[in-house]
Amino acid sequence: MKQLEVQIMGQSYLLGCPEGGETSLLEAVERVDTAMCKIRDAGKVKARDRIAVLAALNLAFELSDRATPVTTAAPRAASPVAHGNGADAVLGALIERVDTALGQDGQLI
């Protein structure tokens, strides 16, 4: 297994990568970095772990939205952080849920 050093939100990570998977991994890193930087630059969330959780939620939402067949899909709301339609209220609710999940000490584990 090959290892690649990547940067996400200015932090270096050494990631394992199967042979031939470099392009896919680098594209995934770019999507994660872009999502996290967009949330950070909005200025509403400062903690790296909360930014990561919100970015993961947005990316998972986008993936699930793509996986839904177009012919039978019901209309879905826009991604809560990536778009401005009611984003402040949705973002506030997501931050509150993340805070609750993290508990008093702010740690995931």
PDB file of N, CA and C in Angstrom:
ATOM      1  N   MET A   1       0.848  -1.171   0.000  1.00  0.00           N
ATOM      2  CA  MET A   1       0.000   0.000   0.000  1.00  0.00           C
ATOM      3  C   MET A   1       0.894   1.235   0.000  1.00  0.00           C
ATOM      4  N   LYS A   2       0.564   2.155  -0.845  1.00  0.00           N
ATOM      5  CA  LYS A   2       1.308   3.401  -0.980  1.00  0.00           C
ATOM      6  C   LYS A   2       0.813   4.410   0.054  1.00  0.00           C
ATOM      7  N   GLN A   3       1.680   5.332   0.473  1.00  0.00           N
ATOM      8  CA  GLN A   3       1.277   6.392   1.385  1.00  0.00           C
ATOM      9  C   GLN A   3       1.421   7.735   0.696  1.00  0.00           C
ATOM     10  N   LEU A   4       0.414   8.588   0.898  1.00  0.00           N
ATOM     11  CA  LEU A   4       0.430   9.938   0.335  1.00  0.00           C
ATOM     12  C   LEU A   4       0.305  10.944   1.462  1.00  0.00           C
ATOM     13  N   GLU A   5       1.100  12.002   1.388  1.00  0.00           N
ATOM     14  CA  GLU A   5       0.951  13.093   2.337  1.00  0.00           C
ATOM     15  C   GLU A   5       0.058  14.148   1.682  1.00  0.00           C
ATOM     16  N   VAL A   6      -0.991  14.518   2.393  1.00  0.00           N
ATOM     17  CA  VAL A   6      -1.955  15.483   1.864  1.00  0.00           C
ATOM     18  C   VAL A   6      -2.163  16.591   2.886  1.00  0.00           C
ATOM     19  N   GLN A   7      -2.763  17.686   2.446  1.00  0.00           N
ATOM     20  CA  GLN A   7      -3.089  18.807   3.312  1.00  0.00           C
ATOM     21  C   GLN A   7      -4.603  19.005   3.299  1.00  0.00           C
ATOM     22  N   ILE A   8      -5.183  19.065   4.491  1.00  0.00           N
ATOM     23  CA  ILE A   8      -6.609  19.372   4.627  1.00  0.00           C
ATOM     24  C   ILE A   8      -6.712  20.513   5.622  1.00  0.00           C
ATOM     25  N   MET A   9      -7.224  21.627   5.179  1.00  0.00           N
ATOM     26  CA  MET A   9      -7.368  22.827   5.997  1.00  0.00           C
ATOM     27  C   MET A   9      -6.045  23.202   6.664  1.00  0.00           C
ATOM     28  N   GLY A  10      -4.955  23.088   5.903  1.00  0.00           N
ATOM     29  CA  GLY A  10      -3.643  23.473   6.385  1.00  0.00           C
ATOM     30  C   GLY A  10      -2.948  22.458   7.266  1.00  0.00           C
ATOM     31  N   GLN A  11      -3.570  21.334   7.537  1.00  0.00           N
ATOM     32  CA  GLN A  11      -3.003  20.282   8.386  1.00  0.00           C
ATOM     33  C   GLN A  11      -2.520  19.137   7.495  1.00  0.00           C
ATOM     34  N   SER A  12      -1.324  18.622   7.762  1.00  0.00           N
ATOM     35  CA  SER A  12      -0.782  17.506   6.982  1.00  0.00           C
ATOM     36  C   SER A  12      -1.291  16.177   7.521  1.00  0.00           C
ATOM     37  N   TYR A  13      -1.602  15.277   6.604  1.00  0.00           N
ATOM     38  CA  TYR A  13      -2.035  13.927   6.942  1.00  0.00           C
ATOM     39  C   TYR A  13      -1.295  12.952   6.043  1.00  0.00           C
ATOM     40  N   LEU A  14      -0.870  11.823   6.600  1.00  0.00           N
ATOM     41  CA  LEU A  14      -0.260  10.752   5.836  1.00  0.00           C
ATOM     42  C   LEU A  14      -1.311   9.660   5.687  1.00  0.00           C
ATOM     43  N   LEU A  15      -1.754   9.422   4.462  1.00  0.00           N
ATOM     44  CA  LEU A  15      -2.855   8.499   4.209  1.00  0.00           C
ATOM     45  C   LEU A  15      -2.374   7.282   3.426  1.00  0.00           C
ATOM     46  N   GLY A  16      -2.898   6.123   3.792  1.00  0.00           N
ATOM     47  CA  GLY A  16      -2.638   4.913   3.029  1.00  0.00           C
ATOM     48  C   GLY A  16      -3.500   4.910   1.778  1.00  0.00           C
ATOM     49  N   CYS A  17      -2.928   4.428   0.692  1.00  0.00           N
ATOM     50  CA  CYS A  17      -3.646   4.451  -0.585  1.00  0.00           C
ATOM     51  C   CYS A  17      -3.300   3.196  -1.373  1.00  0.00           C
ATOM     52  N   PRO A  18      -4.318   2.460  -1.847  1.00  0.00           N
ATOM     53  CA  PRO A  18      -4.019   1.288  -2.677  1.00  0.00           C
ATOM     54  C   PRO A  18      -3.397   1.723  -4.001  1.00  0.00           C
ATOM     55  N   GLU A  19      -2.577   0.861  -4.569  1.00  0.00           N
ATOM     56  CA  GLU A  19      -1.953   1.153  -5.861  1.00  0.00           C
ATOM     57  C   GLU A  19      -3.025   1.484  -6.893  1.00  0.00           C
ATOM     58  N   GLY A  20      -2.821   2.534  -7.623  1.00  0.00           N
ATOM     59  CA  GLY A  20      -3.764   2.948  -8.651  1.00  0.00           C
ATOM     60  C   GLY A  20      -4.898   3.814  -8.131  1.00  0.00           C
ATOM     61  N   GLY A  21      -4.954   4.044  -6.832  1.00  0.00           N
ATOM     62  CA  GLY A  21      -6.043   4.830  -6.259  1.00  0.00           C
ATOM     63  C   GLY A  21      -5.671   6.263  -5.940  1.00  0.00           C
ATOM     64  N   GLU A  22      -4.488   6.686  -6.373  1.00  0.00           N
ATOM     65  CA  GLU A  22      -3.997   8.017  -6.026  1.00  0.00           C
ATOM     66  C   GLU A  22      -4.919   9.126  -6.504  1.00  0.00           C
ATOM     67  N   THR A  23      -5.363   9.045  -7.737  1.00  0.00           N
ATOM     68  CA  THR A  23      -6.217  10.092  -8.295  1.00  0.00           C
ATOM     69  C   THR A  23      -7.525  10.207  -7.532  1.00  0.00           C
ATOM     70  N   SER A  24      -8.153   9.074  -7.255  1.00  0.00           N
ATOM     71  CA  SER A  24      -9.419   9.085  -6.516  1.00  0.00           C
ATOM     72  C   SER A  24      -9.235   9.639  -5.113  1.00  0.00           C
ATOM     73  N   LEU A  25      -8.153   9.232  -4.445  1.00  0.00           N
ATOM     74  CA  LEU A  25      -7.903   9.723  -3.098  1.00  0.00           C
ATOM     75  C   LEU A  25      -7.646  11.225  -3.105  1.00  0.00           C
ATOM     76  N   LEU A  26      -6.849  11.711  -4.047  1.00  0.00           N
ATOM     77  CA  LEU A  26      -6.566  13.146  -4.120  1.00  0.00           C
ATOM     78  C   LEU A  26      -7.823  13.956  -4.438  1.00  0.00           C
ATOM     79  N   GLU A  27      -8.708  13.416  -5.253  1.00  0.00           N
ATOM     80  CA  GLU A  27      -9.985  14.087  -5.528  1.00  0.00           C
ATOM     81  C   GLU A  27     -10.843  14.141  -4.264  1.00  0.00           C
ATOM     82  N   ALA A  28     -10.852  13.047  -3.497  1.00  0.00           N
ATOM     83  CA  ALA A  28     -11.610  13.012  -2.239  1.00  0.00           C
ATOM     84  C   ALA A  28     -11.035  14.019  -1.246  1.00  0.00           C
ATOM     85  N   VAL A  29      -9.716  14.084  -1.150  1.00  0.00           N
ATOM     86  CA  VAL A  29      -9.062  15.051  -0.265  1.00  0.00           C
ATOM     87  C   VAL A  29      -9.449  16.472  -0.670  1.00  0.00           C
ATOM     88  N   GLU A  30      -9.467  16.752  -1.947  1.00  0.00           N
ATOM     89  CA  GLU A  30      -9.837  18.090  -2.427  1.00  0.00           C
ATOM     90  C   GLU A  30     -11.276  18.428  -2.050  1.00  0.00           C
ATOM     91  N   ARG A  31     -12.200  17.455  -2.192  1.00  0.00           N
ATOM     92  CA  ARG A  31     -13.595  17.702  -1.816  1.00  0.00           C
ATOM     93  C   ARG A  31     -13.723  17.979  -0.315  1.00  0.00           C
ATOM     94  N   VAL A  32     -13.018  17.195   0.504  1.00  0.00           N
ATOM     95  CA  VAL A  32     -13.075  17.389   1.953  1.00  0.00           C
ATOM     96  C   VAL A  32     -12.460  18.731   2.332  1.00  0.00           C
ATOM     97  N   ASP A  33     -11.304  19.050   1.756  1.00  0.00           N
ATOM     98  CA  ASP A  33     -10.640  20.321   2.053  1.00  0.00           C
ATOM     99  C   ASP A  33     -11.523  21.502   1.661  1.00  0.00           C
ATOM    100  N   THR A  34     -12.117  21.435   0.492  1.00  0.00           N
ATOM    101  CA  THR A  34     -13.003  22.518   0.032  1.00  0.00           C
ATOM    102  C   THR A  34     -14.200  22.669   0.960  1.00  0.00           C
ATOM    103  N   ALA A  35     -14.817  21.548   1.336  1.00  0.00           N
ATOM    104  CA  ALA A  35     -15.990  21.599   2.218  1.00  0.00           C
ATOM    105  C   ALA A  35     -15.627  22.177   3.581  1.00  0.00           C
ATOM    106  N   MET A  36     -14.503  21.751   4.138  1.00  0.00           N
ATOM    107  CA  MET A  36     -14.099  22.237   5.451  1.00  0.00           C
ATOM    108  C   MET A  36     -13.712  23.707   5.407  1.00  0.00           C
ATOM    109  N   CYS A  37     -12.990  24.112   4.380  1.00  0.00           N
ATOM    110  CA  CYS A  37     -12.581  25.523   4.260  1.00  0.00           C
ATOM    111  C   CYS A  37     -13.783  26.438   4.065  1.00  0.00           C
ATOM    112  N   LYS A  38     -14.784  25.965   3.331  1.00  0.00           N
ATOM    113  CA  LYS A  38     -15.996  26.760   3.122  1.00  0.00           C
ATOM    114  C   LYS A  38     -16.705  27.020   4.451  1.00  0.00           C
ATOM    115  N   ILE A  39     -16.791  25.999   5.290  1.00  0.00           N
ATOM    116  CA  ILE A  39     -17.437  26.141   6.601  1.00  0.00           C
ATOM    117  C   ILE A  39     -16.599  27.056   7.495  1.00  0.00           C
ATOM    118  N   ARG A  40     -15.288  26.834   7.527  1.00  0.00           N
ATOM    119  CA  ARG A  40     -14.392  27.670   8.330  1.00  0.00           C
ATOM    120  C   ARG A  40     -14.472  29.132   7.896  1.00  0.00           C
ATOM    121  N   ASP A  41     -14.453  29.363   6.586  1.00  0.00           N
ATOM    122  CA  ASP A  41     -14.458  30.731   6.063  1.00  0.00           C
ATOM    123  C   ASP A  41     -15.781  31.447   6.293  1.00  0.00           C
ATOM    124  N   ALA A  42     -16.861  30.684   6.506  1.00  0.00           N
ATOM    125  CA  ALA A  42     -18.146  31.312   6.823  1.00  0.00           C
ATOM    126  C   ALA A  42     -18.087  31.975   8.195  1.00  0.00           C
ATOM    127  N   GLY A  43     -17.132  31.556   9.028  1.00  0.00           N
ATOM    128  CA  GLY A  43     -16.865  32.213  10.297  1.00  0.00           C
ATOM    129  C   GLY A  43     -17.776  31.847  11.448  1.00  0.00           C
ATOM    130  N   LYS A  44     -18.707  30.940  11.256  1.00  0.00           N
ATOM    131  CA  LYS A  44     -19.650  30.610  12.320  1.00  0.00           C
ATOM    132  C   LYS A  44     -19.138  29.484  13.208  1.00  0.00           C
ATOM    133  N   VAL A  45     -18.212  28.676  12.709  1.00  0.00           N
ATOM    134  CA  VAL A  45     -17.695  27.539  13.458  1.00  0.00           C
ATOM    135  C   VAL A  45     -16.175  27.652  13.468  1.00  0.00           C
ATOM    136  N   LYS A  46     -15.586  27.513  14.633  1.00  0.00           N
ATOM    137  CA  LYS A  46     -14.132  27.641  14.763  1.00  0.00           C
ATOM    138  C   LYS A  46     -13.431  26.312  15.040  1.00  0.00           C
ATOM    139  N   ALA A  47     -14.069  25.419  15.781  1.00  0.00           N
ATOM    140  CA  ALA A  47     -13.426  24.175  16.197  1.00  0.00           C
ATOM    141  C   ALA A  47     -13.278  23.221  15.006  1.00  0.00           C
ATOM    142  N   ARG A  48     -12.058  22.743  14.809  1.00  0.00           N
ATOM    143  CA  ARG A  48     -11.746  21.862  13.680  1.00  0.00           C
ATOM    144  C   ARG A  48     -12.617  20.601  13.686  1.00  0.00           C
ATOM    145  N   ASP A  49     -12.871  20.021  14.875  1.00  0.00           N
ATOM    146  CA  ASP A  49     -13.667  18.798  14.922  1.00  0.00           C
ATOM    147  C   ASP A  49     -15.105  19.065  14.499  1.00  0.00           C
ATOM    148  N   ARG A  50     -15.658  20.201  14.880  1.00  0.00           N
ATOM    149  CA  ARG A  50     -17.031  20.533  14.477  1.00  0.00           C
ATOM    150  C   ARG A  50     -17.098  20.830  12.980  1.00  0.00           C
ATOM    151  N   ILE A  51     -16.084  21.508  12.463  1.00  0.00           N
ATOM    152  CA  ILE A  51     -16.017  21.759  11.021  1.00  0.00           C
ATOM    153  C   ILE A  51     -15.981  20.437  10.263  1.00  0.00           C
ATOM    154  N   ALA A  52     -15.193  19.481  10.763  1.00  0.00           N
ATOM    155  CA  ALA A  52     -15.084  18.176  10.102  1.00  0.00           C
ATOM    156  C   ALA A  52     -16.419  17.443  10.115  1.00  0.00           C
ATOM    157  N   VAL A  53     -17.123  17.497  11.242  1.00  0.00           N
ATOM    158  CA  VAL A  53     -18.424  16.823  11.329  1.00  0.00           C
ATOM    159  C   VAL A  53     -19.414  17.451  10.355  1.00  0.00           C
ATOM    160  N   LEU A  54     -19.473  18.773  10.311  1.00  0.00           N
ATOM    161  CA  LEU A  54     -20.407  19.442   9.395  1.00  0.00           C
ATOM    162  C   LEU A  54     -20.052  19.158   7.940  1.00  0.00           C
ATOM    163  N   ALA A  55     -18.764  19.161   7.615  1.00  0.00           N
ATOM    164  CA  ALA A  55     -18.346  18.844   6.249  1.00  0.00           C
ATOM    165  C   ALA A  55     -18.725  17.413   5.895  1.00  0.00           C
ATOM    166  N   ALA A  56     -18.518  16.487   6.830  1.00  0.00           N
ATOM    167  CA  ALA A  56     -18.886  15.087   6.587  1.00  0.00           C
ATOM    168  C   ALA A  56     -20.389  14.947   6.354  1.00  0.00           C
ATOM    169  N   LEU A  57     -21.187  15.666   7.153  1.00  0.00           N
ATOM    170  CA  LEU A  57     -22.639  15.631   6.965  1.00  0.00           C
ATOM    171  C   LEU A  57     -23.030  16.162   5.590  1.00  0.00           C
ATOM    172  N   ASN A  58     -22.438  17.278   5.195  1.00  0.00           N
ATOM    173  CA  ASN A  58     -22.752  17.840   3.880  1.00  0.00           C
ATOM    174  C   ASN A  58     -22.363  16.896   2.747  1.00  0.00           C
ATOM    175  N   LEU A  59     -21.167  16.305   2.832  1.00  0.00           N
ATOM    176  CA  LEU A  59     -20.721  15.397   1.778  1.00  0.00           C
ATOM    177  C   LEU A  59     -21.577  14.137   1.737  1.00  0.00           C
ATOM    178  N   ALA A  60     -21.943  13.609   2.901  1.00  0.00           N
ATOM    179  CA  ALA A  60     -22.824  12.432   2.945  1.00  0.00           C
ATOM    180  C   ALA A  60     -24.188  12.761   2.360  1.00  0.00           C
ATOM    181  N   PHE A  61     -24.700  13.958   2.671  1.00  0.00           N
ATOM    182  CA  PHE A  61     -25.980  14.393   2.131  1.00  0.00           C
ATOM    183  C   PHE A  61     -25.914  14.466   0.604  1.00  0.00           C
ATOM    184  N   GLU A  62     -24.836  15.053   0.084  1.00  0.00           N
ATOM    185  CA  GLU A  62     -24.678  15.149  -1.368  1.00  0.00           C
ATOM    186  C   GLU A  62     -24.598  13.766  -2.011  1.00  0.00           C
ATOM    187  N   LEU A  63     -23.876  12.843  -1.381  1.00  0.00           N
ATOM    188  CA  LEU A  63     -23.782  11.481  -1.917  1.00  0.00           C
ATOM    189  C   LEU A  63     -25.129  10.778  -1.919  1.00  0.00           C
ATOM    190  N   SER A  64     -25.872  10.911  -0.823  1.00  0.00           N
ATOM    191  CA  SER A  64     -27.171  10.247  -0.758  1.00  0.00           C
ATOM    192  C   SER A  64     -28.138  10.860  -1.748  1.00  0.00           C
ATOM    193  N   ASP A  65     -28.001  12.155  -1.976  1.00  0.00           N
ATOM    194  CA  ASP A  65     -28.857  12.840  -2.940  1.00  0.00           C
ATOM    195  C   ASP A  65     -28.570  12.340  -4.358  1.00  0.00           C
ATOM    196  N   ARG A  66     -27.301  12.086  -4.664  1.00  0.00           N
ATOM    197  CA  ARG A  66     -26.922  11.571  -5.985  1.00  0.00           C
ATOM    198  C   ARG A  66     -27.378  10.133  -6.179  1.00  0.00           C
ATOM    199  N   ALA A  67     -27.402   9.369  -5.083  1.00  0.00           N
ATOM    200  CA  ALA A  67     -27.752   7.951  -5.168  1.00  0.00           C
ATOM    201  C   ALA A  67     -29.247   7.730  -5.361  1.00  0.00           C
ATOM    202  N   THR A  68     -30.053   8.760  -5.057  1.00  0.00           N
ATOM    203  CA  THR A  68     -31.493   8.636  -5.203  1.00  0.00           C
ATOM    204  C   THR A  68     -31.863   8.721  -6.683  1.00  0.00           C
ATOM    205  N   PRO A  69     -32.610   7.732  -7.215  1.00  0.00           N
ATOM    206  CA  PRO A  69     -33.003   7.788  -8.619  1.00  0.00           C
ATOM    207  C   PRO A  69     -33.819   9.047  -8.912  1.00  0.00           C
ATOM    208  N   VAL A  70     -33.505   9.709 -10.001  1.00  0.00           N
ATOM    209  CA  VAL A  70     -34.150  10.972 -10.350  1.00  0.00           C
ATOM    210  C   VAL A  70     -35.628  10.783 -10.644  1.00  0.00           C
ATOM    211  N   THR A  71     -36.011   9.680 -11.249  1.00  0.00           N
ATOM    212  CA  THR A  71     -37.400   9.502 -11.660  1.00  0.00           C
ATOM    213  C   THR A  71     -38.355   9.304 -10.490  1.00  0.00           C
ATOM    214  N   THR A  72     -37.854   8.785  -9.363  1.00  0.00           N
ATOM    215  CA  THR A  72     -38.738   8.531  -8.230  1.00  0.00           C
ATOM    216  C   THR A  72     -38.415   9.398  -7.015  1.00  0.00           C
ATOM    217  N   ALA A  73     -37.438  10.272  -7.158  1.00  0.00           N
ATOM    218  CA  ALA A  73     -36.990  11.049  -6.000  1.00  0.00           C
ATOM    219  C   ALA A  73     -37.976  12.157  -5.666  1.00  0.00           C
ATOM    220  N   ALA A  74     -38.221  12.286  -4.372  1.00  0.00           N
ATOM    221  CA  ALA A  74     -38.987  13.434  -3.895  1.00  0.00           C
ATOM    222  C   ALA A  74     -38.031  14.610  -3.796  1.00  0.00           C
ATOM    223  N   PRO A  75     -38.520  15.830  -3.943  1.00  0.00           N
ATOM    224  CA  PRO A  75     -37.627  16.977  -3.827  1.00  0.00           C
ATOM    225  C   PRO A  75     -36.985  17.012  -2.444  1.00  0.00           C
ATOM    226  N   ARG A  76     -35.699  17.365  -2.412  1.00  0.00           N
ATOM    227  CA  ARG A  76     -34.976  17.421  -1.148  1.00  0.00           C
ATOM    228  C   ARG A  76     -34.456  18.830  -0.926  1.00  0.00           C
ATOM    229  N   ALA A  77     -34.240  19.152   0.336  1.00  0.00           N
ATOM    230  CA  ALA A  77     -33.707  20.468   0.689  1.00  0.00           C
ATOM    231  C   ALA A  77     -32.264  20.566   0.235  1.00  0.00           C
ATOM    232  N   ALA A  78     -31.789  21.770   0.058  1.00  0.00           N
ATOM    233  CA  ALA A  78     -30.404  21.996  -0.320  1.00  0.00           C
ATOM    234  C   ALA A  78     -29.491  21.641   0.842  1.00  0.00           C
ATOM    235  N   SER A  79     -28.248  21.346   0.521  1.00  0.00           N
ATOM    236  CA  SER A  79     -27.258  21.048   1.555  1.00  0.00           C
ATOM    237  C   SER A  79     -27.193  22.205   2.533  1.00  0.00           C
ATOM    238  N   PRO A  80     -27.242  21.948   3.839  1.00  0.00           N
ATOM    239  CA  PRO A  80     -27.413  22.999   4.818  1.00  0.00           C
ATOM    240  C   PRO A  80     -26.304  24.038   4.879  1.00  0.00           C
ATOM    241  N   VAL A  81     -25.058  23.674   4.620  1.00  0.00           N
ATOM    242  CA  VAL A  81     -23.990  24.657   4.736  1.00  0.00           C
ATOM    243  C   VAL A  81     -23.553  25.162   3.369  1.00  0.00           C
ATOM    244  N   ALA A  82     -23.626  24.314   2.360  1.00  0.00           N
ATOM    245  CA  ALA A  82     -23.109  24.683   1.055  1.00  0.00           C
ATOM    246  C   ALA A  82     -23.972  25.724   0.346  1.00  0.00           C
ATOM    247  N   HIS A  83     -25.218  25.873   0.740  1.00  0.00           N
ATOM    248  CA  HIS A  83     -26.111  26.801   0.062  1.00  0.00           C
ATOM    249  C   HIS A  83     -26.693  27.784   1.057  1.00  0.00           C
ATOM    250  N   GLY A  84     -27.139  28.926   0.583  1.00  0.00           N
ATOM    251  CA  GLY A  84     -27.609  29.973   1.466  1.00  0.00           C
ATOM    252  C   GLY A  84     -29.075  29.922   1.823  1.00  0.00           C
ATOM    253  N   ASN A  85     -29.881  29.039   1.272  1.00  0.00           N
ATOM    254  CA  ASN A  85     -31.320  29.009   1.520  1.00  0.00           C
ATOM    255  C   ASN A  85     -31.619  28.531   2.933  1.00  0.00           C
ATOM    256  N   GLY A  86     -31.856  29.473   3.851  1.00  0.00           N
ATOM    257  CA  GLY A  86     -32.144  29.111   5.227  1.00  0.00           C
ATOM    258  C   GLY A  86     -30.968  28.471   5.935  1.00  0.00           C
ATOM    259  N   ALA A  87     -29.781  28.687   5.411  1.00  0.00           N
ATOM    260  CA  ALA A  87     -28.600  28.003   5.925  1.00  0.00           C
ATOM    261  C   ALA A  87     -28.305  28.380   7.373  1.00  0.00           C
ATOM    262  N   ASP A  88     -28.554  29.609   7.769  1.00  0.00           N
ATOM    263  CA  ASP A  88     -28.241  30.025   9.134  1.00  0.00           C
ATOM    264  C   ASP A  88     -29.019  29.204  10.156  1.00  0.00           C
ATOM    265  N   ALA A  89     -30.305  29.024   9.938  1.00  0.00           N
ATOM    266  CA  ALA A  89     -31.123  28.253  10.879  1.00  0.00           C
ATOM    267  C   ALA A  89     -30.709  26.792  10.885  1.00  0.00           C
ATOM    268  N   VAL A  90     -30.476  26.230   9.713  1.00  0.00           N
ATOM    269  CA  VAL A  90     -30.084  24.828   9.623  1.00  0.00           C
ATOM    270  C   VAL A  90     -28.697  24.636  10.228  1.00  0.00           C
ATOM    271  N   LEU A  91     -27.779  25.552   9.926  1.00  0.00           N
ATOM    272  CA  LEU A  91     -26.432  25.467  10.477  1.00  0.00           C
ATOM    273  C   LEU A  91     -26.462  25.563  11.995  1.00  0.00           C
ATOM    274  N   GLY A  92     -27.268  26.479  12.525  1.00  0.00           N
ATOM    275  CA  GLY A  92     -27.404  26.603  13.974  1.00  0.00           C
ATOM    276  C   GLY A  92     -27.897  25.320  14.609  1.00  0.00           C
ATOM    277  N   ALA A  93     -28.885  24.687  13.974  1.00  0.00           N
ATOM    278  CA  ALA A  93     -29.417  23.425  14.488  1.00  0.00           C
ATOM    279  C   ALA A  93     -28.361  22.318  14.426  1.00  0.00           C
ATOM    280  N   LEU A  94     -27.595  22.277  13.339  1.00  0.00           N
ATOM    281  CA  LEU A  94     -26.537  21.273  13.221  1.00  0.00           C
ATOM    282  C   LEU A  94     -25.454  21.482  14.271  1.00  0.00           C
ATOM    283  N   ILE A  95     -25.069  22.726  14.488  1.00  0.00           N
ATOM    284  CA  ILE A  95     -24.049  23.018  15.496  1.00  0.00           C
ATOM    285  C   ILE A  95     -24.542  22.604  16.876  1.00  0.00           C
ATOM    286  N   GLU A  96     -25.800  22.887  17.164  1.00  0.00           N
ATOM    287  CA  GLU A  96     -26.375  22.485  18.455  1.00  0.00           C
ATOM    288  C   GLU A  96     -26.353  20.968  18.608  1.00  0.00           C
ATOM    289  N   ARG A  97     -26.681  20.244  17.539  1.00  0.00           N
ATOM    290  CA  ARG A  97     -26.659  18.783  17.598  1.00  0.00           C
ATOM    291  C   ARG A  97     -25.242  18.254  17.779  1.00  0.00           C
ATOM    292  N   VAL A  98     -24.266  18.878  17.108  1.00  0.00           N
ATOM    293  CA  VAL A  98     -22.873  18.473  17.263  1.00  0.00           C
ATOM    294  C   VAL A  98     -22.418  18.727  18.694  1.00  0.00           C
ATOM    295  N   ASP A  99     -22.759  19.901  19.235  1.00  0.00           N
ATOM    296  CA  ASP A  99     -22.401  20.222  20.620  1.00  0.00           C
ATOM    297  C   ASP A  99     -22.978  19.193  21.585  1.00  0.00           C
ATOM    298  N   THR A 100     -24.218  18.812  21.368  1.00  0.00           N
ATOM    299  CA  THR A 100     -24.860  17.823  22.223  1.00  0.00           C
ATOM    300  C   THR A 100     -24.155  16.475  22.101  1.00  0.00           C
ATOM    301  N   ALA A 101     -23.824  16.088  20.876  1.00  0.00           N
ATOM    302  CA  ALA A 101     -23.158  14.802  20.653  1.00  0.00           C
ATOM    303  C   ALA A 101     -21.759  14.775  21.264  1.00  0.00           C
ATOM    304  N   LEU A 102     -21.067  15.905  21.210  1.00  0.00           N
ATOM    305  CA  LEU A 102     -19.715  15.961  21.759  1.00  0.00           C
ATOM    306  C   LEU A 102     -19.705  15.997  23.276  1.00  0.00           C
ATOM    307  N   GLY A 103     -20.793  16.451  23.868  1.00  0.00           N
ATOM    308  CA  GLY A 103     -20.873  16.501  25.324  1.00  0.00           C
ATOM    309  C   GLY A 103     -20.098  17.664  25.901  1.00  0.00           C
ATOM    310  N   GLN A 104     -19.911  17.625  27.176  1.00  0.00           N
ATOM    311  CA  GLN A 104     -19.290  18.726  27.915  1.00  0.00           C
ATOM    312  C   GLN A 104     -17.831  18.965  27.543  1.00  0.00           C
ATOM    313  N   ASP A 105     -17.071  17.895  27.297  1.00  0.00           N
ATOM    314  CA  ASP A 105     -15.640  18.078  27.092  1.00  0.00           C
ATOM    315  C   ASP A 105     -15.257  18.411  25.663  1.00  0.00           C
ATOM    316  N   GLY A 106     -16.214  18.343  24.724  1.00  0.00           N
ATOM    317  CA  GLY A 106     -15.933  18.695  23.334  1.00  0.00           C
ATOM    318  C   GLY A 106     -15.105  17.678  22.583  1.00  0.00           C
ATOM    319  N   GLN A 107     -14.990  16.458  23.087  1.00  0.00           N
ATOM    320  CA  GLN A 107     -14.210  15.419  22.451  1.00  0.00           C
ATOM    321  C   GLN A 107     -15.132  14.368  21.853  1.00  0.00           C
ATOM    322  N   LEU A 108     -14.745  13.827  20.696  1.00  0.00           N
ATOM    323  CA  LEU A 108     -15.543  12.792  20.052  1.00  0.00           C
ATOM    324  C   LEU A 108     -15.423  11.465  20.788  1.00  0.00           C
ATOM    325  N   ILE A 109     -14.282  11.184  21.389  1.00  0.00           N
ATOM    326  CA  ILE A 109     -14.106   9.918  22.125  1.00  0.00           C
ATOM    327  C   ILE A 109     -13.626  10.196  23.533  1.00  0.00           C
TER     328      ILE A 109
END
